[in-house]
Amino acid sequence: IRDHCVTGVQTCALPIFAVYGLWILVICASFWFVRVDNLRYLLGSITDAGRWPVSVYTGWVRVFLTVLVPVALVTSYPAMALLGRVDRALVLEAVATAIGMLVVSRLAWVSALKHYTSASS
């Protein structure tokens, strides 16, 4: 049981990084688009898919909810780890997704700041 709890704690930290990266990407969109408030509602609607375990979804929907919008990473992976139903492949997938979201969001942030022009000038 102890190994499952350690893995669960580790996989509980990864979603924080993935969601942080996702929200930074949404914030970066405000540098190029005037109205991004609808994007927040769209992202909220997509995250509602986290009400069900990721095992309910198959194919591209599962990949979309795990990698592009890390809903499965936030909701299902920590619970699966605490129950002992996660293997090394899923943990590696979670690590790769979290790191990928951080790297992509950092690149987007640097690009957004580089192309930023003041609204008053």
C-alpha atoms as a PDB file:
ATOM      1  CA  ILE A   1       0.000   0.000   0.000  1.00  0.00           C
ATOM      2  CA  ARG A   2       2.810   2.421   0.770  1.00  0.00           C
ATOM      3  CA  ASP A   3       4.192   2.230  -2.788  1.00  0.00           C
ATOM      4  CA  HIS A   4       0.755   3.114  -4.139  1.00  0.00           C
ATOM      5  CA  CYS A   5       0.519   6.158  -1.883  1.00  0.00           C
ATOM      6  CA  VAL A   6       3.946   7.416  -2.931  1.00  0.00           C
ATOM      7  CA  THR A   7       3.052   6.988  -6.598  1.00  0.00           C
ATOM      8  CA  GLY A   8      -0.288   8.692  -5.927  1.00  0.00           C
ATOM      9  CA  VAL A   9       1.401  11.694  -4.331  1.00  0.00           C
ATOM     10  CA  GLN A  10       3.827  11.946  -7.229  1.00  0.00           C
ATOM     11  CA  THR A  11       1.065  11.757  -9.798  1.00  0.00           C
ATOM     12  CA  CYS A  12      -0.921  14.357  -7.859  1.00  0.00           C
ATOM     13  CA  ALA A  13       1.859  16.904  -8.395  1.00  0.00           C
ATOM     14  CA  LEU A  14       2.063  16.378 -12.154  1.00  0.00           C
ATOM     15  CA  PRO A  15      -1.454  17.672 -12.939  1.00  0.00           C
ATOM     16  CA  ILE A  16      -0.623  20.964 -11.253  1.00  0.00           C
ATOM     17  CA  PHE A  17       2.185  21.542 -13.749  1.00  0.00           C
ATOM     18  CA  ALA A  18       0.056  20.453 -16.705  1.00  0.00           C
ATOM     19  CA  VAL A  19      -2.887  22.696 -15.789  1.00  0.00           C
ATOM     20  CA  TYR A  20      -0.521  25.605 -15.109  1.00  0.00           C
ATOM     21  CA  GLY A  21       0.948  25.194 -18.587  1.00  0.00           C
ATOM     22  CA  LEU A  22      -2.511  24.976 -20.143  1.00  0.00           C
ATOM     23  CA  TRP A  23      -3.684  28.192 -18.465  1.00  0.00           C
ATOM     24  CA  ILE A  24      -0.481  29.990 -19.472  1.00  0.00           C
ATOM     25  CA  LEU A  25      -1.305  29.057 -23.069  1.00  0.00           C
ATOM     26  CA  VAL A  26      -4.787  30.532 -22.645  1.00  0.00           C
ATOM     27  CA  ILE A  27      -3.271  33.692 -21.159  1.00  0.00           C
ATOM     28  CA  CYS A  28      -0.805  33.931 -24.043  1.00  0.00           C
ATOM     29  CA  ALA A  29      -3.742  33.946 -26.442  1.00  0.00           C
ATOM     30  CA  SER A  30      -4.734  37.328 -25.005  1.00  0.00           C
ATOM     31  CA  PHE A  31      -1.589  38.820 -26.551  1.00  0.00           C
ATOM     32  CA  TRP A  32      -2.905  38.074 -30.044  1.00  0.00           C
ATOM     33  CA  PHE A  33      -6.689  38.009 -29.639  1.00  0.00           C
ATOM     34  CA  VAL A  34      -8.884  40.685 -28.159  1.00  0.00           C
ATOM     35  CA  ARG A  35     -11.658  38.508 -26.777  1.00  0.00           C
ATOM     36  CA  VAL A  36     -10.430  35.446 -24.928  1.00  0.00           C
ATOM     37  CA  ASP A  37     -13.129  35.268 -22.263  1.00  0.00           C
ATOM     38  CA  ASN A  38     -15.002  32.704 -24.377  1.00  0.00           C
ATOM     39  CA  LEU A  39     -11.872  30.564 -24.376  1.00  0.00           C
ATOM     40  CA  ARG A  40     -12.161  30.273 -20.605  1.00  0.00           C
ATOM     41  CA  TYR A  41     -15.730  28.975 -20.937  1.00  0.00           C
ATOM     42  CA  LEU A  42     -14.707  26.566 -23.691  1.00  0.00           C
ATOM     43  CA  LEU A  43     -11.892  25.210 -21.546  1.00  0.00           C
ATOM     44  CA  GLY A  44     -14.307  24.885 -18.623  1.00  0.00           C
ATOM     45  CA  SER A  45     -16.706  22.891 -20.771  1.00  0.00           C
ATOM     46  CA  ILE A  46     -13.962  20.563 -21.936  1.00  0.00           C
ATOM     47  CA  THR A  47     -12.793  19.959 -18.384  1.00  0.00           C
ATOM     48  CA  ASP A  48     -16.301  18.801 -17.499  1.00  0.00           C
ATOM     49  CA  ALA A  49     -15.322  15.567 -19.262  1.00  0.00           C
ATOM     50  CA  GLY A  50     -13.256  14.845 -16.144  1.00  0.00           C
ATOM     51  CA  ARG A  51     -16.388  13.805 -14.302  1.00  0.00           C
ATOM     52  CA  TRP A  52     -15.925  10.296 -15.657  1.00  0.00           C
ATOM     53  CA  PRO A  53     -12.845   8.075 -15.488  1.00  0.00           C
ATOM     54  CA  VAL A  54     -10.558   8.214 -18.498  1.00  0.00           C
ATOM     55  CA  SER A  55     -11.172   4.514 -19.124  1.00  0.00           C
ATOM     56  CA  VAL A  56     -14.663   5.447 -20.377  1.00  0.00           C
ATOM     57  CA  TYR A  57     -13.145   7.175 -23.404  1.00  0.00           C
ATOM     58  CA  THR A  58     -11.360   5.461 -26.264  1.00  0.00           C
ATOM     59  CA  GLY A  59      -9.234   6.419 -29.240  1.00  0.00           C
ATOM     60  CA  TRP A  60      -8.524  10.045 -30.076  1.00  0.00           C
ATOM     61  CA  VAL A  61     -10.844  11.353 -27.333  1.00  0.00           C
ATOM     62  CA  ARG A  62      -8.709   9.669 -24.706  1.00  0.00           C
ATOM     63  CA  VAL A  63      -5.509  11.086 -26.245  1.00  0.00           C
ATOM     64  CA  PHE A  64      -7.099  14.546 -26.467  1.00  0.00           C
ATOM     65  CA  LEU A  65      -8.176  14.463 -22.813  1.00  0.00           C
ATOM     66  CA  THR A  66      -4.800  13.164 -21.665  1.00  0.00           C
ATOM     67  CA  VAL A  67      -2.248  15.083 -23.717  1.00  0.00           C
ATOM     68  CA  LEU A  68      -3.784  18.197 -25.282  1.00  0.00           C
ATOM     69  CA  VAL A  69      -6.165  19.124 -22.485  1.00  0.00           C
ATOM     70  CA  PRO A  70      -4.841  17.199 -19.482  1.00  0.00           C
ATOM     71  CA  VAL A  71      -8.219  16.432 -17.932  1.00  0.00           C
ATOM     72  CA  ALA A  72      -7.427  12.744 -17.480  1.00  0.00           C
ATOM     73  CA  LEU A  73      -4.102  13.647 -15.941  1.00  0.00           C
ATOM     74  CA  VAL A  74      -5.867  15.820 -13.372  1.00  0.00           C
ATOM     75  CA  THR A  75      -8.802  13.587 -12.506  1.00  0.00           C
ATOM     76  CA  SER A  76      -8.094   9.952 -13.312  1.00  0.00           C
ATOM     77  CA  TYR A  77      -4.357   9.399 -12.926  1.00  0.00           C
ATOM     78  CA  PRO A  78      -4.027  10.338  -9.239  1.00  0.00           C
ATOM     79  CA  ALA A  79      -7.055   8.215  -8.345  1.00  0.00           C
ATOM     80  CA  MET A  80      -5.727   5.280 -10.365  1.00  0.00           C
ATOM     81  CA  ALA A  81      -2.334   5.636  -8.646  1.00  0.00           C
ATOM     82  CA  LEU A  82      -3.884   5.643  -5.182  1.00  0.00           C
ATOM     83  CA  LEU A  83      -5.870   2.529  -6.086  1.00  0.00           C
ATOM     84  CA  GLY A  84      -2.753   0.817  -7.443  1.00  0.00           C
ATOM     85  CA  ARG A  85      -4.050   0.676 -11.014  1.00  0.00           C
ATOM     86  CA  VAL A  86      -1.300   2.705 -12.629  1.00  0.00           C
ATOM     87  CA  ASP A  87       1.764   1.251 -14.274  1.00  0.00           C
ATOM     88  CA  ARG A  88       5.085   2.772 -15.274  1.00  0.00           C
ATOM     89  CA  ALA A  89       3.846   3.589 -18.769  1.00  0.00           C
ATOM     90  CA  LEU A  90       1.029   5.760 -17.400  1.00  0.00           C
ATOM     91  CA  VAL A  91       3.384   7.521 -14.994  1.00  0.00           C
ATOM     92  CA  LEU A  92       5.826   8.198 -17.826  1.00  0.00           C
ATOM     93  CA  GLU A  93       2.957   9.486 -19.952  1.00  0.00           C
ATOM     94  CA  ALA A  94       1.926  11.807 -17.124  1.00  0.00           C
ATOM     95  CA  VAL A  95       5.480  13.065 -16.689  1.00  0.00           C
ATOM     96  CA  ALA A  96       5.869  13.631 -20.433  1.00  0.00           C
ATOM     97  CA  THR A  97       2.547  15.483 -20.629  1.00  0.00           C
ATOM     98  CA  ALA A  98       3.371  17.729 -17.676  1.00  0.00           C
ATOM     99  CA  ILE A  99       6.839  18.543 -18.986  1.00  0.00           C
ATOM    100  CA  GLY A 100       5.481  19.040 -22.497  1.00  0.00           C
ATOM    101  CA  MET A 101       2.830  21.473 -21.280  1.00  0.00           C
ATOM    102  CA  LEU A 102       5.438  23.428 -19.306  1.00  0.00           C
ATOM    103  CA  VAL A 103       7.838  23.609 -22.252  1.00  0.00           C
ATOM    104  CA  VAL A 104       5.162  24.612 -24.771  1.00  0.00           C
ATOM    105  CA  SER A 105       3.708  27.211 -22.412  1.00  0.00           C
ATOM    106  CA  ARG A 106       7.159  28.666 -21.746  1.00  0.00           C
ATOM    107  CA  LEU A 107       7.877  28.925 -25.466  1.00  0.00           C
ATOM    108  CA  ALA A 108       4.494  30.560 -26.051  1.00  0.00           C
ATOM    109  CA  TRP A 109       5.071  33.006 -23.188  1.00  0.00           C
ATOM    110  CA  VAL A 110       8.505  34.027 -24.472  1.00  0.00           C
ATOM    111  CA  SER A 111       7.109  34.449 -27.979  1.00  0.00           C
ATOM    112  CA  ALA A 112       4.164  36.468 -26.698  1.00  0.00           C
ATOM    113  CA  LEU A 113       6.420  38.817 -24.748  1.00  0.00           C
ATOM    114  CA  LYS A 114       8.767  39.148 -27.708  1.00  0.00           C
ATOM    115  CA  HIS A 115       5.962  40.273 -30.013  1.00  0.00           C
ATOM    116  CA  TYR A 116       4.154  42.417 -27.451  1.00  0.00           C
ATOM    117  CA  THR A 117       3.547  46.055 -28.290  1.00  0.00           C
ATOM    118  CA  SER A 118       2.072  48.424 -25.801  1.00  0.00           C
ATOM    119  CA  ALA A 119      -1.568  49.388 -26.249  1.00  0.00           C
ATOM    120  CA  SER A 120      -0.763  53.021 -25.492  1.00  0.00           C
ATOM    121  CA  SER A 121       1.920  53.515 -28.124  1.00  0.00           C
END
